[in-house]
Protein backbone atom coordinates (compact mmCIF):
# COMPACT_ATOMS: atom_id res chain seq x y z
CA MET A 1 -85.81 -140.91 175.03
CA TYR A 2 -82.55 -139.50 176.34
CA LYS A 3 -82.06 -137.91 179.75
CA LYS A 4 -78.79 -137.47 181.64
CA GLU A 5 -78.09 -135.65 184.91
CA ILE A 6 -74.59 -134.29 185.41
CA TYR A 7 -72.76 -131.68 187.46
CA VAL A 8 -71.10 -128.73 185.76
CA PHE A 9 -68.91 -126.16 187.46
CA ASP A 10 -69.29 -122.41 187.82
CA GLY A 11 -65.76 -121.79 189.00
CA ASP A 12 -65.46 -124.21 191.91
CA VAL A 13 -69.22 -124.41 192.52
CA PRO A 14 -70.97 -127.53 191.16
CA LYS A 15 -74.36 -127.03 189.51
CA LYS A 16 -76.73 -129.79 188.45
CA ALA A 17 -77.50 -129.87 184.74
CA ILE A 18 -79.90 -132.04 182.76
CA ILE A 19 -79.39 -133.01 179.12
CA ARG A 20 -82.51 -134.37 177.49
CA ASN A 21 -84.46 -134.49 174.25
CA TYR A 22 -86.34 -131.28 173.60
CA THR A 23 -90.07 -131.24 172.84
CA LYS A 24 -92.67 -128.85 171.46
CA GLU A 25 -93.05 -127.31 174.91
CA ASP A 26 -89.46 -126.05 174.65
CA PHE A 27 -89.74 -124.23 171.31
CA HIS A 28 -90.05 -120.72 172.77
CA ASP A 29 -86.91 -121.19 174.86
CA LEU A 30 -84.99 -122.74 171.96
CA ILE A 31 -85.71 -119.75 169.71
CA ARG A 32 -84.68 -117.40 172.53
CA ILE A 33 -81.35 -119.21 172.87
CA GLN A 34 -80.75 -118.88 169.13
CA GLN A 35 -81.30 -115.14 169.34
CA GLU A 36 -78.93 -114.83 172.30
CA SER A 37 -76.28 -117.08 170.77
CA PHE A 38 -76.22 -115.71 167.23
CA PRO A 39 -76.69 -111.92 167.34
CA PRO A 40 -76.15 -109.74 164.26
CA PRO A 41 -74.30 -109.81 161.91
CA PHE A 42 -75.44 -113.46 161.96
CA PRO A 43 -78.54 -113.57 159.68
CA SER A 44 -81.72 -113.62 161.77
CA GLU A 45 -83.48 -115.77 159.17
CA LEU A 46 -81.13 -118.60 160.18
CA TRP A 47 -82.54 -118.68 163.71
CA TRP A 48 -84.86 -121.64 164.30
CA ASN A 49 -88.54 -121.30 163.48
CA GLU A 50 -91.34 -123.49 164.78
CA GLU A 51 -91.71 -125.48 161.56
CA GLN A 52 -88.04 -126.48 161.66
CA LEU A 53 -88.23 -127.41 165.34
CA THR A 54 -91.39 -129.43 164.74
CA ASN A 55 -89.54 -131.43 162.09
CA HIS A 56 -86.64 -132.00 164.49
CA VAL A 57 -88.82 -133.56 167.18
CA THR A 58 -90.94 -135.48 164.65
CA LEU A 59 -88.43 -136.84 162.13
CA PHE A 60 -85.47 -137.55 164.45
CA PRO A 61 -86.27 -136.81 168.10
CA GLU A 62 -83.15 -138.70 169.22
CA GLY A 63 -81.04 -135.98 167.59
CA ALA A 64 -82.82 -133.08 169.29
CA LEU A 65 -81.09 -132.28 172.60
CA CYS A 66 -81.26 -129.43 175.08
CA VAL A 67 -79.55 -128.70 178.38
CA GLU A 68 -81.09 -127.19 181.53
CA VAL A 69 -79.35 -125.54 184.47
CA ASP A 70 -81.43 -124.52 187.50
CA GLY A 71 -84.56 -125.39 185.51
CA ARG A 72 -83.72 -122.98 182.67
CA ILE A 73 -82.98 -124.20 179.14
CA CYS A 74 -79.69 -122.61 178.16
CA GLY A 75 -78.38 -124.64 175.23
CA SER A 76 -79.34 -127.03 172.47
CA MET A 77 -77.86 -129.29 169.81
CA THR A 78 -79.59 -130.81 166.82
CA GLY A 79 -78.56 -133.51 164.36
CA LEU A 80 -79.87 -135.68 161.53
CA LEU A 81 -78.67 -138.86 159.86
CA VAL A 82 -77.12 -138.64 156.40
CA ASP A 83 -75.31 -141.08 154.12
CA PHE A 84 -71.92 -139.35 153.85
CA ASP A 85 -69.36 -140.24 151.19
CA PRO A 86 -65.82 -139.32 152.36
CA LEU A 87 -64.67 -139.30 148.73
CA HIS A 88 -67.10 -136.47 147.94
CA PRO A 89 -67.14 -134.40 151.13
CA ALA A 90 -67.99 -130.91 149.79
CA HIS A 91 -71.49 -129.59 150.49
CA THR A 92 -73.29 -126.58 151.91
CA TRP A 93 -75.13 -126.38 155.22
CA GLU A 94 -78.37 -125.71 153.35
CA GLU A 95 -77.98 -128.81 151.17
CA ILE A 96 -77.09 -131.32 153.85
CA THR A 97 -79.56 -130.09 156.50
CA ASP A 98 -82.41 -129.19 154.12
CA ASN A 99 -81.96 -125.60 155.31
CA GLY A 100 -82.53 -126.77 158.87
CA TYR A 101 -85.83 -128.54 158.11
CA ILE A 102 -84.14 -132.02 157.97
CA ARG A 103 -86.78 -133.48 155.62
CA ASN A 104 -83.84 -135.33 154.05
CA HIS A 105 -83.17 -137.24 157.29
CA ASN A 106 -82.09 -140.78 156.30
CA PRO A 107 -82.74 -143.41 159.01
CA GLN A 108 -80.23 -145.69 157.23
CA GLY A 109 -77.50 -143.04 157.05
CA ASN A 110 -73.95 -143.73 158.20
CA THR A 111 -73.26 -140.32 159.76
CA LEU A 112 -74.79 -138.17 162.49
CA TYR A 113 -74.59 -134.66 161.08
CA VAL A 114 -74.66 -131.62 163.36
CA VAL A 115 -77.31 -129.16 162.22
CA ASP A 116 -76.64 -126.71 165.04
CA ILE A 117 -75.18 -126.29 168.50
CA CYS A 118 -75.64 -123.21 170.64
CA VAL A 119 -75.32 -122.18 174.28
CA SER A 120 -76.61 -118.92 175.69
CA PRO A 121 -73.58 -116.64 176.36
CA PRO A 122 -74.02 -116.30 180.15
CA TYR A 123 -73.79 -120.10 180.49
CA ARG A 124 -70.79 -120.79 178.24
CA LYS A 125 -68.32 -120.84 181.11
CA LEU A 126 -70.01 -124.02 182.40
CA GLY A 127 -68.76 -126.21 179.55
CA LEU A 128 -72.26 -127.14 178.40
CA GLY A 129 -71.36 -127.27 174.71
CA LYS A 130 -68.79 -129.98 175.36
CA TRP A 131 -71.35 -132.01 177.31
CA LEU A 132 -73.90 -131.69 174.49
CA MET A 133 -71.25 -132.88 172.04
CA GLN A 134 -70.42 -135.82 174.29
CA SER A 135 -74.09 -136.77 174.35
CA MET A 136 -74.16 -136.83 170.54
CA TYR A 137 -71.06 -139.05 170.52
CA GLU A 138 -73.01 -141.45 172.71
CA LEU A 139 -75.77 -141.51 170.09
CA VAL A 140 -73.20 -142.28 167.36
CA VAL A 141 -72.01 -145.27 169.39
CA GLN A 142 -75.55 -146.41 170.24
CA LEU A 143 -76.58 -146.43 166.57
CA ASN A 144 -73.24 -147.92 165.40
CA LEU A 145 -72.65 -145.02 162.99
CA ASP A 146 -69.35 -144.25 161.30
CA ARG A 147 -68.96 -140.73 162.61
CA LEU A 148 -70.34 -137.46 163.86
CA LEU A 149 -69.73 -134.71 161.30
CA GLY A 150 -70.48 -131.02 160.96
CA GLY A 151 -69.24 -127.77 159.51
CA GLY A 152 -67.49 -125.55 162.04
CA ARG A 153 -67.68 -121.80 161.48
CA MET A 154 -64.40 -119.85 161.48
CA PRO A 155 -65.59 -116.59 163.11
CA GLY A 156 -62.06 -115.39 163.84
CA TYR A 157 -61.02 -115.59 160.20
CA HIS A 158 -62.24 -112.14 159.14
CA LYS A 159 -59.62 -110.56 161.41
CA HIS A 160 -56.81 -112.28 159.48
CA ALA A 161 -58.23 -112.66 155.96
CA HIS A 162 -56.16 -109.75 154.65
CA THR A 163 -52.94 -111.68 155.32
CA LEU A 164 -53.93 -115.36 155.46
CA THR A 165 -55.85 -117.74 153.23
CA ALA A 166 -58.47 -119.88 154.94
CA HIS A 167 -56.10 -122.86 154.84
CA GLN A 168 -53.25 -120.84 156.37
CA TYR A 169 -55.57 -119.57 159.09
CA ILE A 170 -56.64 -123.10 160.04
CA GLU A 171 -53.03 -124.30 159.97
CA LYS A 172 -52.15 -121.61 162.52
CA VAL A 173 -55.13 -122.60 164.69
CA LEU A 174 -54.00 -126.24 164.58
CA ALA A 175 -50.44 -125.17 165.43
CA GLY A 176 -51.71 -123.21 168.44
CA GLU A 177 -50.53 -119.89 167.02
CA LEU A 178 -54.10 -118.59 166.77
CA LYS A 179 -57.33 -119.41 168.58
CA ASP A 180 -60.71 -119.48 166.88
CA PRO A 181 -63.86 -119.35 169.05
CA VAL A 182 -65.50 -122.26 167.21
CA ILE A 183 -62.71 -124.34 165.69
CA THR A 184 -60.64 -124.37 168.89
CA PHE A 185 -63.75 -125.36 170.85
CA LEU A 186 -64.45 -128.25 168.47
CA LEU A 187 -60.85 -129.43 168.74
CA ARG A 188 -61.21 -129.45 172.52
CA CYS A 189 -64.33 -131.60 172.09
CA GLY A 190 -62.36 -134.24 170.18
CA ARG A 191 -63.34 -133.28 166.64
CA THR A 192 -60.72 -133.43 163.87
CA PRO A 193 -60.62 -131.46 160.58
CA VAL A 194 -61.60 -133.12 157.32
CA GLN A 195 -61.73 -130.30 154.78
CA ILE A 196 -62.32 -126.57 154.42
CA VAL A 197 -65.53 -125.79 152.53
CA GLU A 198 -66.12 -122.48 150.76
CA ASN A 199 -69.62 -120.97 150.58
CA TYR A 200 -70.81 -123.32 153.31
CA LEU A 201 -73.07 -120.79 155.01
CA GLU A 202 -73.81 -117.08 154.75
CA ASP A 203 -71.46 -115.87 157.48
CA GLU A 204 -69.61 -112.56 157.34
CA GLU A 205 -67.20 -113.38 160.17
CA SER A 206 -66.08 -116.62 158.51
CA LEU A 207 -66.22 -115.14 155.00
CA ASN A 208 -68.67 -117.98 154.29
CA HIS A 209 -66.04 -120.64 155.04
CA ALA A 210 -66.38 -123.62 157.35
CA VAL A 211 -64.23 -126.59 158.36
CA LEU A 212 -65.81 -130.02 158.14
CA MET A 213 -64.85 -131.68 161.42
CA GLU A 214 -65.60 -135.23 162.45
CA TRP A 215 -65.51 -137.59 165.41
CA ARG A 216 -64.97 -141.16 164.28
CA ASN A 217 -66.74 -143.91 166.19
CA PRO A 218 -63.98 -145.89 167.95
CA PHE A 219 -66.42 -148.75 168.58
CA LYS A 220 -67.61 -149.05 164.98
CA LYS A 221 -68.18 -152.67 164.07
CA SER A 222 -66.81 -153.02 160.57
CA GLY A 223 -69.51 -154.52 158.39
CA GLY A 224 -71.83 -154.55 161.38
CA GLU A 225 -75.55 -154.11 161.17
CA ARG A 226 -76.94 -150.58 161.50
CA LEU A 227 -79.35 -150.04 164.35
CA THR A 228 -82.40 -148.12 163.12
CA PRO A 229 -83.75 -145.61 165.66
């Protein structure tokens, strides 16, 4: 099981944080964080439920992470293994994550796919999301996977959709002319764009668009043996 102690900073004040695998005892807090992180108009039916969380800790506990600050759980990140074909990248969130239930988790998959990442708003200034992402990169390296992959929402797009296509919007984000709350964050975490996907997820702010963004394993042993968790 995974457990890492780090210091994060609230301004200039260091605070101890713990990143670890979440368990059934954490379900109530994990659902609370979802509610705080994804308020309306985000669909409430997409918040975690206990059956989904049970599958996370049963089918792939290594990919179920949470972060604590001062003993309070304030963020989480969940992944599953899939066999991703870069030549056929298009998919929906529902298809590739089994609607968050991850019953399609493939222990022999080549890619760690991000099902979800969220941090409670009062704690976002501490940089916890970036530390959760870093912890998932470590899992990619440990298992000798090809990549970490996930669909990044484009919540700033609805403000510009009347003048820009989704591709033009992302081009301006990549050029630094616009900032997007999610895409810019993922870029800062080391993720790179692969493709824009339409109808990825029901999401009014993104007009249902998402950007597939990956982190390639720099230590990948070409032709090497996969390590089964």
